[in-house]
Amino acid sequence: MKPKEDTRLLAIVGPTGIGKTEMALDIAGQLDAEIVSVDSMQVYKGMDIGTAKPTAEERSKAVFHLLDIVDVADDFSVADFKNAADDAIADIDARGKTPLLVGGSGLYYRAVVDDLDFSNASDPYREETEEELEEMSEDELHLILASVDPAAAAEIPAANRRRVLRAIDVARKGDRLISERQHAWSDFTSPYDLRVAGLEMERHVLYRLIDMRIDRMVQQGLEKEVMTLVENGLKAGTTAGEALGYRQMLDYLDGDVPIQKAVEEAKKRTRNFAKRQFTWFGKDPRVEWFKIPAEHGDTPDVVRAKIGSTSLKVLEYLKQTT
């Protein structure tokens, strides 16, 4: 079910570990909002510790959507997520509540708020296209894309192999070219009444918090959680099996790396992911940025207090009408 055009849609975005969920819990009640999780991995059942999924106590404070809706053995594409999010948003709006999107999965966020079109296109591309072109270099693939869809080639860098392959696939199928279907991708044009708050923090402070967070996940039983998930079908190579923290723990459980190396690799990859998230959301001119004034030596309690003070500013911003 598609949400109505001009549906009031609020969002809190930003990098992993910065406090988006905590802030959303602070303000959701005051916005008469229900939270729509925009996290590509929190959709999976049982992936709780490693995704920092809201706890039972946190879920008692607000209504959450798109948590625990698919098994770890199944792939769940961005197109699948968009369909589920559309249904949730339409339902929330129909009941007179406000949808509040919260998360850091940039592509999933854009798919929903800009109503990107995934019809008649594989995600990310058909197996036969991959098999045919997998031996080609990035530059060779980009030349092919330029020949079949020049506008898409101008928008998609050669280094983004996945998007290049998908655009080639769409063009070869004779459907509308991806550049013709996805004006919203480059124009940042939403059919909804959208207001977005972005959270930022000094990078070195955030990276320290990320490292502490992963240590805490290990202490909370991430290894045991992954072992249980393996029994339920989690494995490397699947969408869920490639999640940050989970892939590294699978490598450890397979005997490929010692535990400390797996943990350090998870920290490194999560820090790099946070950096990419800053870049991704930084390109969206609709995001109003709010800096959490945390400092390097702050204790977790002090950081939480500073998130709380920033929440008041975000609340006032999201309350405004466009």
C-alpha atoms as a PDB file:
ATOM      1  CA  MET A   1       0.000   0.000   0.000  1.00  0.00           C
ATOM      2  CA  LYS A   2       1.472   3.322  -1.067  1.00  0.00           C
ATOM      3  CA  PRO A   3       1.255   6.238   1.378  1.00  0.00           C
ATOM      4  CA  LYS A   4      -0.769   9.188   0.169  1.00  0.00           C
ATOM      5  CA  GLU A   5       1.164  12.009  -1.469  1.00  0.00           C
ATOM      6  CA  ASP A   6       1.983  14.803   0.980  1.00  0.00           C
ATOM      7  CA  THR A   7       1.878  12.378   3.925  1.00  0.00           C
ATOM      8  CA  ARG A   8       3.663  14.025   6.831  1.00  0.00           C
ATOM      9  CA  LEU A   9       6.929  12.100   7.140  1.00  0.00           C
ATOM     10  CA  LEU A  10       9.630  12.784   9.740  1.00  0.00           C
ATOM     11  CA  ALA A  11      13.084  11.220   9.913  1.00  0.00           C
ATOM     12  CA  ILE A  12      16.149  11.048  12.133  1.00  0.00           C
ATOM     13  CA  VAL A  13      19.236   9.858  10.255  1.00  0.00           C
ATOM     14  CA  GLY A  14      22.966   9.651  10.801  1.00  0.00           C
ATOM     15  CA  PRO A  15      25.816   7.231  11.417  1.00  0.00           C
ATOM     16  CA  THR A  16      25.686   4.080  13.472  1.00  0.00           C
ATOM     17  CA  GLY A  17      26.186   4.406  17.211  1.00  0.00           C
ATOM     18  CA  ILE A  18      25.385   8.113  17.446  1.00  0.00           C
ATOM     19  CA  GLY A  19      22.139   7.777  19.423  1.00  0.00           C
ATOM     20  CA  LYS A  20      19.339   7.947  16.848  1.00  0.00           C
ATOM     21  CA  THR A  21      17.076   5.438  18.584  1.00  0.00           C
ATOM     22  CA  GLU A  22      17.673   6.982  21.990  1.00  0.00           C
ATOM     23  CA  MET A  23      16.717  10.380  20.620  1.00  0.00           C
ATOM     24  CA  ALA A  24      13.653   9.008  18.844  1.00  0.00           C
ATOM     25  CA  LEU A  25      12.448   7.506  22.124  1.00  0.00           C
ATOM     26  CA  ASP A  26      12.904  10.907  23.775  1.00  0.00           C
ATOM     27  CA  ILE A  27      10.657  12.710  21.317  1.00  0.00           C
ATOM     28  CA  ALA A  28       8.304  10.205  19.634  1.00  0.00           C
ATOM     29  CA  GLY A  29       5.563  10.698  22.210  1.00  0.00           C
ATOM     30  CA  GLN A  30       5.682  14.464  21.849  1.00  0.00           C
ATOM     31  CA  LEU A  31       5.309  14.124  18.079  1.00  0.00           C
ATOM     32  CA  ASP A  32       2.463  11.583  18.372  1.00  0.00           C
ATOM     33  CA  ALA A  33       4.737   9.414  16.247  1.00  0.00           C
ATOM     34  CA  GLU A  34       5.368   5.723  15.652  1.00  0.00           C
ATOM     35  CA  ILE A  35       8.919   4.705  14.783  1.00  0.00           C
ATOM     36  CA  VAL A  36       9.708   3.035  11.461  1.00  0.00           C
ATOM     37  CA  SER A  37      13.144   1.412  11.730  1.00  0.00           C
ATOM     38  CA  VAL A  38      15.278   2.124   8.657  1.00  0.00           C
ATOM     39  CA  ASP A  39      17.921  -0.488   9.343  1.00  0.00           C
ATOM     40  CA  SER A  40      18.684  -3.161   6.787  1.00  0.00           C
ATOM     41  CA  MET A  41      19.633  -5.721   9.468  1.00  0.00           C
ATOM     42  CA  GLN A  42      17.161  -5.081  12.292  1.00  0.00           C
ATOM     43  CA  VAL A  43      14.506  -6.659  10.062  1.00  0.00           C
ATOM     44  CA  TYR A  44      16.047 -10.078  10.812  1.00  0.00           C
ATOM     45  CA  LYS A  45      14.713 -12.156  13.686  1.00  0.00           C
ATOM     46  CA  GLY A  46      17.279 -12.956  16.352  1.00  0.00           C
ATOM     47  CA  MET A  47      19.852 -10.394  15.215  1.00  0.00           C
ATOM     48  CA  ASP A  48      19.466  -8.382  18.388  1.00  0.00           C
ATOM     49  CA  ILE A  49      22.785  -7.711  20.103  1.00  0.00           C
ATOM     50  CA  GLY A  50      24.884  -7.096  16.995  1.00  0.00           C
ATOM     51  CA  THR A  51      22.389  -4.676  15.444  1.00  0.00           C
ATOM     52  CA  ALA A  52      21.707  -2.818  18.716  1.00  0.00           C
ATOM     53  CA  LYS A  53      18.041  -3.580  18.172  1.00  0.00           C
ATOM     54  CA  PRO A  54      15.696  -1.775  20.582  1.00  0.00           C
ATOM     55  CA  THR A  55      15.213  -3.772  23.765  1.00  0.00           C
ATOM     56  CA  ALA A  56      11.877  -4.920  25.153  1.00  0.00           C
ATOM     57  CA  GLU A  57      11.998  -2.024  27.610  1.00  0.00           C
ATOM     58  CA  GLU A  58      12.621   0.478  24.815  1.00  0.00           C
ATOM     59  CA  ARG A  59       9.824  -1.008  22.713  1.00  0.00           C
ATOM     60  CA  SER A  60       7.456  -0.470  25.618  1.00  0.00           C
ATOM     61  CA  LYS A  61       8.055   3.273  25.350  1.00  0.00           C
ATOM     62  CA  ALA A  62       7.093   3.668  21.674  1.00  0.00           C
ATOM     63  CA  VAL A  63       5.561   1.710  18.798  1.00  0.00           C
ATOM     64  CA  PHE A  64       8.204   0.288  16.443  1.00  0.00           C
ATOM     65  CA  HIS A  65       7.745  -1.052  12.917  1.00  0.00           C
ATOM     66  CA  LEU A  66       9.949  -3.246  10.664  1.00  0.00           C
ATOM     67  CA  LEU A  67      11.737  -5.111  13.423  1.00  0.00           C
ATOM     68  CA  ASP A  68      11.932  -8.942  13.355  1.00  0.00           C
ATOM     69  CA  ILE A  69       9.964  -9.471  10.159  1.00  0.00           C
ATOM     70  CA  VAL A  70      12.160 -11.961   8.258  1.00  0.00           C
ATOM     71  CA  ASP A  71      14.248 -15.072   9.024  1.00  0.00           C
ATOM     72  CA  VAL A  72      18.046 -14.893   8.809  1.00  0.00           C
ATOM     73  CA  ALA A  73      18.114 -17.609   6.141  1.00  0.00           C
ATOM     74  CA  ASP A  74      16.139 -15.370   3.778  1.00  0.00           C
ATOM     75  CA  ASP A  75      17.356 -12.476   1.688  1.00  0.00           C
ATOM     76  CA  PHE A  76      15.412  -9.254   2.082  1.00  0.00           C
ATOM     77  CA  SER A  77      16.094  -6.744  -0.674  1.00  0.00           C
ATOM     78  CA  VAL A  78      15.750  -2.990  -0.621  1.00  0.00           C
ATOM     79  CA  ALA A  79      12.652  -3.425  -2.801  1.00  0.00           C
ATOM     80  CA  ASP A  80      11.161  -5.772  -0.191  1.00  0.00           C
ATOM     81  CA  PHE A  81      11.972  -3.252   2.511  1.00  0.00           C
ATOM     82  CA  LYS A  82      10.362  -0.407   0.594  1.00  0.00           C
ATOM     83  CA  ASN A  83       7.138  -2.373   0.177  1.00  0.00           C
ATOM     84  CA  ALA A  84       7.024  -3.177   3.894  1.00  0.00           C
ATOM     85  CA  ALA A  85       7.837   0.419   4.845  1.00  0.00           C
ATOM     86  CA  ASP A  86       5.169   1.788   2.495  1.00  0.00           C
ATOM     87  CA  ASP A  87       2.584  -0.456   4.169  1.00  0.00           C
ATOM     88  CA  ALA A  88       3.681   0.609   7.645  1.00  0.00           C
ATOM     89  CA  ILE A  89       3.697   4.328   6.811  1.00  0.00           C
ATOM     90  CA  ALA A  90       0.278   4.181   5.156  1.00  0.00           C
ATOM     91  CA  ASP A  91      -1.132   2.349   8.177  1.00  0.00           C
ATOM     92  CA  ILE A  92       0.394   4.805  10.674  1.00  0.00           C
ATOM     93  CA  ASP A  93      -0.929   7.778   8.722  1.00  0.00           C
ATOM     94  CA  ALA A  94      -4.389   6.229   8.358  1.00  0.00           C
ATOM     95  CA  ARG A  95      -4.621   5.966  12.136  1.00  0.00           C
ATOM     96  CA  GLY A  96      -3.818   9.644  12.545  1.00  0.00           C
ATOM     97  CA  LYS A  97      -0.285   9.105  13.823  1.00  0.00           C
ATOM     98  CA  THR A  98       2.972  10.480  12.419  1.00  0.00           C
ATOM     99  CA  PRO A  99       5.551   8.124  10.840  1.00  0.00           C
ATOM    100  CA  LEU A 100       9.043   8.772  12.235  1.00  0.00           C
ATOM    101  CA  LEU A 101      11.770   7.053  10.208  1.00  0.00           C
ATOM    102  CA  VAL A 102      14.863   6.299  12.283  1.00  0.00           C
ATOM    103  CA  GLY A 103      18.044   4.696  11.012  1.00  0.00           C
ATOM    104  CA  GLY A 104      21.230   4.866   9.041  1.00  0.00           C
ATOM    105  CA  SER A 105      20.724   2.563   6.043  1.00  0.00           C
ATOM    106  CA  GLY A 106      20.998   5.258   3.399  1.00  0.00           C
ATOM    107  CA  LEU A 107      19.710   3.403   0.350  1.00  0.00           C
ATOM    108  CA  TYR A 108      16.728   2.054   2.273  1.00  0.00           C
ATOM    109  CA  TYR A 109      15.918   5.549   3.532  1.00  0.00           C
ATOM    110  CA  ARG A 110      16.071   7.014   0.022  1.00  0.00           C
ATOM    111  CA  ALA A 111      13.985   4.169  -1.393  1.00  0.00           C
ATOM    112  CA  VAL A 112      11.171   5.064   0.983  1.00  0.00           C
ATOM    113  CA  VAL A 113      11.223   8.848   1.249  1.00  0.00           C
ATOM    114  CA  ASP A 114      11.788   9.387  -2.487  1.00  0.00           C
ATOM    115  CA  ASP A 115       9.508   6.534  -3.582  1.00  0.00           C
ATOM    116  CA  LEU A 116      12.197   5.007  -5.785  1.00  0.00           C
ATOM    117  CA  ASP A 117      10.881   2.644  -8.435  1.00  0.00           C
ATOM    118  CA  PHE A 118      12.081  -0.961  -8.280  1.00  0.00           C
ATOM    119  CA  SER A 119       9.488  -2.402 -10.632  1.00  0.00           C
ATOM    120  CA  ASN A 120      10.772  -4.661 -13.395  1.00  0.00           C
ATOM    121  CA  ALA A 121      14.304  -4.398 -12.098  1.00  0.00           C
ATOM    122  CA  SER A 122      16.253  -7.031 -10.219  1.00  0.00           C
ATOM    123  CA  ASP A 123      17.959  -6.221  -6.972  1.00  0.00           C
ATOM    124  CA  PRO A 124      20.737  -5.579  -7.349  1.00  0.00           C
ATOM    125  CA  TYR A 125      20.932  -7.202 -10.816  1.00  0.00           C
ATOM    126  CA  ARG A 126      20.124 -10.484 -12.547  1.00  0.00           C
ATOM    127  CA  GLU A 127      22.450 -13.430 -12.111  1.00  0.00           C
ATOM    128  CA  GLU A 128      22.953 -13.759 -15.847  1.00  0.00           C
ATOM    129  CA  THR A 129      24.137 -10.152 -16.089  1.00  0.00           C
ATOM    130  CA  GLU A 130      26.568 -10.755 -13.256  1.00  0.00           C
ATOM    131  CA  GLU A 131      27.905 -13.948 -14.837  1.00  0.00           C
ATOM    132  CA  GLU A 132      28.298 -12.336 -18.240  1.00  0.00           C
ATOM    133  CA  LEU A 133      30.076  -9.209 -17.047  1.00  0.00           C
ATOM    134  CA  GLU A 134      31.828 -10.300 -13.852  1.00  0.00           C
ATOM    135  CA  GLU A 135      35.260 -10.557 -15.504  1.00  0.00           C
ATOM    136  CA  MET A 136      35.167  -7.013 -16.852  1.00  0.00           C
ATOM    137  CA  SER A 137      36.910  -4.144 -15.112  1.00  0.00           C
ATOM    138  CA  GLU A 138      34.991  -1.233 -13.602  1.00  0.00           C
ATOM    139  CA  ASP A 139      36.020   1.039 -16.478  1.00  0.00           C
ATOM    140  CA  GLU A 140      34.894  -1.497 -19.091  1.00  0.00           C
ATOM    141  CA  LEU A 141      31.522  -1.865 -17.403  1.00  0.00           C
ATOM    142  CA  HIS A 142      31.094   1.891 -17.233  1.00  0.00           C
ATOM    143  CA  LEU A 143      31.745   2.175 -20.979  1.00  0.00           C
ATOM    144  CA  ILE A 144      28.957  -0.347 -21.610  1.00  0.00           C
ATOM    145  CA  LEU A 145      26.608   1.638 -19.397  1.00  0.00           C
ATOM    146  CA  ALA A 146      27.522   4.834 -21.242  1.00  0.00           C
ATOM    147  CA  SER A 147      26.548   3.184 -24.510  1.00  0.00           C
ATOM    148  CA  VAL A 148      23.125   1.984 -23.326  1.00  0.00           C
ATOM    149  CA  ASP A 149      22.165   4.721 -20.838  1.00  0.00           C
ATOM    150  CA  PRO A 150      24.430   7.791 -21.012  1.00  0.00           C
ATOM    151  CA  ALA A 151      22.422   9.710 -18.409  1.00  0.00           C
ATOM    152  CA  ALA A 152      22.844   6.934 -15.855  1.00  0.00           C
ATOM    153  CA  ALA A 153      26.564   6.719 -16.633  1.00  0.00           C
ATOM    154  CA  ALA A 154      26.877  10.426 -15.888  1.00  0.00           C
ATOM    155  CA  GLU A 155      25.278   9.929 -12.465  1.00  0.00           C
ATOM    156  CA  ILE A 156      26.808   6.583 -11.408  1.00  0.00           C
ATOM    157  CA  PRO A 157      30.581   6.432 -10.813  1.00  0.00           C
ATOM    158  CA  ALA A 158      32.514   3.534 -12.296  1.00  0.00           C
ATOM    159  CA  ALA A 159      33.635   2.494  -8.815  1.00  0.00           C
ATOM    160  CA  ASN A 160      30.037   1.696  -7.846  1.00  0.00           C
ATOM    161  CA  ARG A 161      30.082  -1.640  -9.647  1.00  0.00           C
ATOM    162  CA  ARG A 162      26.780  -2.836  -8.214  1.00  0.00           C
ATOM    163  CA  ARG A 163      24.764   0.163  -9.402  1.00  0.00           C
ATOM    164  CA  VAL A 164      26.510   0.106 -12.808  1.00  0.00           C
ATOM    165  CA  LEU A 165      25.561  -3.542 -13.308  1.00  0.00           C
ATOM    166  CA  ARG A 166      21.992  -2.925 -12.237  1.00  0.00           C
ATOM    167  CA  ALA A 167      21.621   0.019 -14.636  1.00  0.00           C
ATOM    168  CA  ILE A 168      23.000  -2.088 -17.520  1.00  0.00           C
ATOM    169  CA  ASP A 169      20.537  -4.838 -16.661  1.00  0.00           C
ATOM    170  CA  VAL A 170      17.570  -2.456 -16.649  1.00  0.00           C
ATOM    171  CA  ALA A 171      18.566  -0.880 -19.971  1.00  0.00           C
ATOM    172  CA  ARG A 172      19.079  -4.270 -21.659  1.00  0.00           C
ATOM    173  CA  LYS A 173      15.623  -5.466 -20.655  1.00  0.00           C
ATOM    174  CA  GLY A 174      14.028  -2.716 -22.729  1.00  0.00           C
ATOM    175  CA  ASP A 175      12.263  -1.208 -19.733  1.00  0.00           C
ATOM    176  CA  ARG A 176      12.493   2.488 -18.974  1.00  0.00           C
ATOM    177  CA  LEU A 177      16.126   3.425 -18.511  1.00  0.00           C
ATOM    178  CA  ILE A 178      17.132   3.709 -14.882  1.00  0.00           C
ATOM    179  CA  SER A 179      17.979   7.380 -15.428  1.00  0.00           C
ATOM    180  CA  GLU A 180      14.437   7.992 -16.695  1.00  0.00           C
ATOM    181  CA  ARG A 181      12.839   6.165 -13.791  1.00  0.00           C
ATOM    182  CA  GLN A 182      14.855   7.613 -10.972  1.00  0.00           C
ATOM    183  CA  HIS A 183      14.838  11.402 -11.259  1.00  0.00           C
ATOM    184  CA  ALA A 184      14.247  11.480  -7.505  1.00  0.00           C
ATOM    185  CA  TRP A 185      17.632   9.808  -7.033  1.00  0.00           C
ATOM    186  CA  SER A 186      19.574  12.872  -8.162  1.00  0.00           C
ATOM    187  CA  ASP A 187      16.916  15.525  -7.578  1.00  0.00           C
ATOM    188  CA  PHE A 188      16.155  14.574  -3.945  1.00  0.00           C
ATOM    189  CA  THR A 189      12.483  15.029  -4.701  1.00  0.00           C
ATOM    190  CA  SER A 190      10.064  13.417  -2.265  1.00  0.00           C
ATOM    191  CA  PRO A 191       6.311  13.062  -2.861  1.00  0.00           C
ATOM    192  CA  TYR A 192       5.833  13.364   0.894  1.00  0.00           C
ATOM    193  CA  ASP A 193       5.826  16.267   3.339  1.00  0.00           C
ATOM    194  CA  LEU A 194       9.319  15.361   4.518  1.00  0.00           C
ATOM    195  CA  ARG A 195      11.359  16.839   7.356  1.00  0.00           C
ATOM    196  CA  VAL A 196      14.712  15.255   8.203  1.00  0.00           C
ATOM    197  CA  ALA A 197      17.058  15.762  11.154  1.00  0.00           C
ATOM    198  CA  GLY A 198      20.620  14.469  10.844  1.00  0.00           C
ATOM    199  CA  LEU A 199      22.836  13.756  13.847  1.00  0.00           C
ATOM    200  CA  GLU A 200      26.560  14.422  13.794  1.00  0.00           C
ATOM    201  CA  MET A 201      29.415  14.304  16.266  1.00  0.00           C
ATOM    202  CA  GLU A 202      33.163  14.804  16.231  1.00  0.00           C
ATOM    203  CA  ARG A 203      34.495  11.816  14.315  1.00  0.00           C
ATOM    204  CA  HIS A 204      37.108  10.739  16.852  1.00  0.00           C
ATOM    205  CA  VAL A 205      34.497  10.811  19.603  1.00  0.00           C
ATOM    206  CA  LEU A 206      32.026   8.751  17.568  1.00  0.00           C
ATOM    207  CA  TYR A 207      34.695   6.207  16.644  1.00  0.00           C
ATOM    208  CA  ARG A 208      35.526   5.773  20.344  1.00  0.00           C
ATOM    209  CA  LEU A 209      31.845   5.210  21.104  1.00  0.00           C
ATOM    210  CA  ILE A 210      31.642   2.653  18.279  1.00  0.00           C
ATOM    211  CA  ASP A 211      34.612   0.724  19.701  1.00  0.00           C
ATOM    212  CA  MET A 212      33.032   0.759  23.168  1.00  0.00           C
ATOM    213  CA  ARG A 213      29.712  -0.348  21.722  1.00  0.00           C
ATOM    214  CA  ILE A 214      31.224  -3.385  20.006  1.00  0.00           C
ATOM    215  CA  ASP A 215      33.092  -4.360  23.168  1.00  0.00           C
ATOM    216  CA  ARG A 216      29.762  -4.150  24.991  1.00  0.00           C
ATOM    217  CA  MET A 217      28.081  -6.340  22.353  1.00  0.00           C
ATOM    218  CA  VAL A 218      30.733  -9.008  22.881  1.00  0.00           C
ATOM    219  CA  GLN A 219      30.229  -8.817  26.637  1.00  0.00           C
ATOM    220  CA  GLN A 220      26.459  -9.119  26.176  1.00  0.00           C
ATOM    221  CA  GLY A 221      26.842 -12.410  24.322  1.00  0.00           C
ATOM    222  CA  LEU A 222      27.278 -11.687  20.610  1.00  0.00           C
ATOM    223  CA  GLU A 223      29.183 -14.946  20.116  1.00  0.00           C
ATOM    224  CA  LYS A 224      26.355 -17.014  21.603  1.00  0.00           C
ATOM    225  CA  GLU A 225      23.783 -15.085  19.564  1.00  0.00           C
ATOM    226  CA  VAL A 226      25.633 -15.847  16.325  1.00  0.00           C
ATOM    227  CA  MET A 227      25.952 -19.533  17.242  1.00  0.00           C
ATOM    228  CA  THR A 228      22.182 -19.709  17.717  1.00  0.00           C
ATOM    229  CA  LEU A 229      21.582 -17.897  14.438  1.00  0.00           C
ATOM    230  CA  VAL A 230      23.860 -20.342  12.600  1.00  0.00           C
ATOM    231  CA  GLU A 231      21.534 -23.117  13.745  1.00  0.00           C
ATOM    232  CA  ASN A 232      18.683 -21.118  12.181  1.00  0.00           C
ATOM    233  CA  GLY A 233      20.406 -20.697   8.817  1.00  0.00           C
ATOM    234  CA  LEU A 234      22.792 -17.757   9.199  1.00  0.00           C
ATOM    235  CA  LYS A 235      25.855 -18.154   7.013  1.00  0.00           C
ATOM    236  CA  ALA A 236      28.424 -16.063   5.185  1.00  0.00           C
ATOM    237  CA  GLY A 237      27.345 -14.927   1.747  1.00  0.00           C
ATOM    238  CA  THR A 238      23.720 -14.249   2.656  1.00  0.00           C
ATOM    239  CA  THR A 239      22.455 -10.737   3.282  1.00  0.00           C
ATOM    240  CA  ALA A 240      22.227 -11.291   7.030  1.00  0.00           C
ATOM    241  CA  GLY A 241      25.516 -13.160   7.141  1.00  0.00           C
ATOM    242  CA  GLU A 242      27.411 -10.185   5.745  1.00  0.00           C
ATOM    243  CA  ALA A 243      26.186  -7.796   8.467  1.00  0.00           C
ATOM    244  CA  LEU A 244      28.810  -5.890  10.402  1.00  0.00           C
ATOM    245  CA  GLY A 245      29.907  -7.862  13.434  1.00  0.00           C
ATOM    246  CA  TYR A 246      28.130 -11.008  12.329  1.00  0.00           C
ATOM    247  CA  ARG A 247      30.452 -11.755   9.399  1.00  0.00           C
ATOM    248  CA  GLN A 248      33.505 -11.235  11.597  1.00  0.00           C
ATOM    249  CA  MET A 249      32.044 -13.483  14.306  1.00  0.00           C
ATOM    250  CA  LEU A 250      31.273 -16.147  11.686  1.00  0.00           C
ATOM    251  CA  ASP A 251      34.922 -16.014  10.599  1.00  0.00           C
ATOM    252  CA  TYR A 252      35.964 -16.551  14.209  1.00  0.00           C
ATOM    253  CA  LEU A 253      33.541 -19.442  14.716  1.00  0.00           C
ATOM    254  CA  ASP A 254      34.795 -21.056  11.499  1.00  0.00           C
ATOM    255  CA  GLY A 255      38.309 -20.978  12.959  1.00  0.00           C
ATOM    256  CA  ASP A 256      39.611 -18.526  10.376  1.00  0.00           C
ATOM    257  CA  VAL A 257      40.654 -15.792  12.839  1.00  0.00           C
ATOM    258  CA  PRO A 258      41.130 -15.458  16.598  1.00  0.00           C
ATOM    259  CA  ILE A 259      38.401 -13.675  18.549  1.00  0.00           C
ATOM    260  CA  GLN A 260      40.387 -10.496  19.213  1.00  0.00           C
ATOM    261  CA  LYS A 261      41.189 -10.082  15.530  1.00  0.00           C
ATOM    262  CA  ALA A 262      37.513 -10.608  14.654  1.00  0.00           C
ATOM    263  CA  VAL A 263      36.489  -7.936  17.164  1.00  0.00           C
ATOM    264  CA  GLU A 264      39.085  -5.457  15.913  1.00  0.00           C
ATOM    265  CA  GLU A 265      37.980  -6.078  12.331  1.00  0.00           C
ATOM    266  CA  ALA A 266      34.363  -5.444  13.317  1.00  0.00           C
ATOM    267  CA  LYS A 267      35.376  -2.164  14.929  1.00  0.00           C
ATOM    268  CA  LYS A 268      37.368  -1.084  11.889  1.00  0.00           C
ATOM    269  CA  ARG A 269      34.618  -1.919   9.424  1.00  0.00           C
ATOM    270  CA  THR A 270      31.979  -0.235  11.576  1.00  0.00           C
ATOM    271  CA  ARG A 271      34.047   2.949  11.804  1.00  0.00           C
ATOM    272  CA  ASN A 272      34.474   2.919   8.035  1.00  0.00           C
ATOM    273  CA  PHE A 273      30.734   2.377   7.625  1.00  0.00           C
ATOM    274  CA  ALA A 274      30.010   5.385   9.855  1.00  0.00           C
ATOM    275  CA  LYS A 275      32.290   7.479   7.669  1.00  0.00           C
ATOM    276  CA  ARG A 276      30.371   6.406   4.558  1.00  0.00           C
ATOM    277  CA  GLN A 277      27.087   7.210   6.280  1.00  0.00           C
ATOM    278  CA  PHE A 278      28.268  10.775   6.949  1.00  0.00           C
ATOM    279  CA  THR A 279      29.131  11.092   3.258  1.00  0.00           C
ATOM    280  CA  TRP A 280      25.841   9.548   2.080  1.00  0.00           C
ATOM    281  CA  PHE A 281      23.525  11.702   4.148  1.00  0.00           C
ATOM    282  CA  GLY A 282      25.759  14.733   3.670  1.00  0.00           C
ATOM    283  CA  LYS A 283      24.777  14.768  -0.004  1.00  0.00           C
ATOM    284  CA  ASP A 284      21.080  15.164   0.830  1.00  0.00           C
ATOM    285  CA  PRO A 285      20.282  18.897   0.957  1.00  0.00           C
ATOM    286  CA  ARG A 286      17.059  18.224   2.867  1.00  0.00           C
ATOM    287  CA  VAL A 287      18.869  17.084   6.015  1.00  0.00           C
ATOM    288  CA  GLU A 288      19.090  19.640   8.809  1.00  0.00           C
ATOM    289  CA  TRP A 289      22.151  18.748  10.879  1.00  0.00           C
ATOM    290  CA  PHE A 290      22.343  18.779  14.681  1.00  0.00           C
ATOM    291  CA  LYS A 291      25.669  18.287  16.405  1.00  0.00           C
ATOM    292  CA  ILE A 292      25.787  16.313  19.645  1.00  0.00           C
ATOM    293  CA  PRO A 293      28.511  18.134  21.647  1.00  0.00           C
ATOM    294  CA  ALA A 294      30.127  15.012  23.077  1.00  0.00           C
ATOM    295  CA  GLU A 295      33.834  15.169  23.902  1.00  0.00           C
ATOM    296  CA  HIS A 296      36.505  12.505  23.951  1.00  0.00           C
ATOM    297  CA  GLY A 297      36.613  11.994  27.702  1.00  0.00           C
ATOM    298  CA  ASP A 298      32.856  11.965  28.259  1.00  0.00           C
ATOM    299  CA  THR A 299      31.405   9.018  30.155  1.00  0.00           C
ATOM    300  CA  PRO A 300      28.407   7.180  28.652  1.00  0.00           C
ATOM    301  CA  ASP A 301      26.120   9.000  31.093  1.00  0.00           C
ATOM    302  CA  VAL A 302      27.456  12.378  29.989  1.00  0.00           C
ATOM    303  CA  VAL A 303      27.019  11.415  26.325  1.00  0.00           C
ATOM    304  CA  ARG A 304      23.423  10.381  27.013  1.00  0.00           C
ATOM    305  CA  ALA A 305      22.771  13.712  28.705  1.00  0.00           C
ATOM    306  CA  LYS A 306      24.130  15.572  25.683  1.00  0.00           C
ATOM    307  CA  ILE A 307      21.964  13.475  23.368  1.00  0.00           C
ATOM    308  CA  GLY A 308      19.028  14.475  25.548  1.00  0.00           C
ATOM    309  CA  SER A 309      19.792  18.186  25.286  1.00  0.00           C
ATOM    310  CA  THR A 310      20.158  17.880  21.516  1.00  0.00           C
ATOM    311  CA  SER A 311      16.812  16.058  21.392  1.00  0.00           C
ATOM    312  CA  LEU A 312      15.058  19.263  22.446  1.00  0.00           C
ATOM    313  CA  LYS A 313      16.442  21.083  19.397  1.00  0.00           C
ATOM    314  CA  VAL A 314      15.547  18.220  17.076  1.00  0.00           C
ATOM    315  CA  LEU A 315      12.041  18.092  18.518  1.00  0.00           C
ATOM    316  CA  GLU A 316      11.444  21.776  17.852  1.00  0.00           C
ATOM    317  CA  TYR A 317      12.727  21.375  14.299  1.00  0.00           C
ATOM    318  CA  LEU A 318      10.567  18.357  13.510  1.00  0.00           C
ATOM    319  CA  LYS A 319       7.499  20.060  14.919  1.00  0.00           C
ATOM    320  CA  GLN A 320       7.762  22.805  12.320  1.00  0.00           C
ATOM    321  CA  THR A 321       5.617  22.670   9.207  1.00  0.00           C
ATOM    322  CA  THR A 322       6.996  23.184   5.721  1.00  0.00           C
END
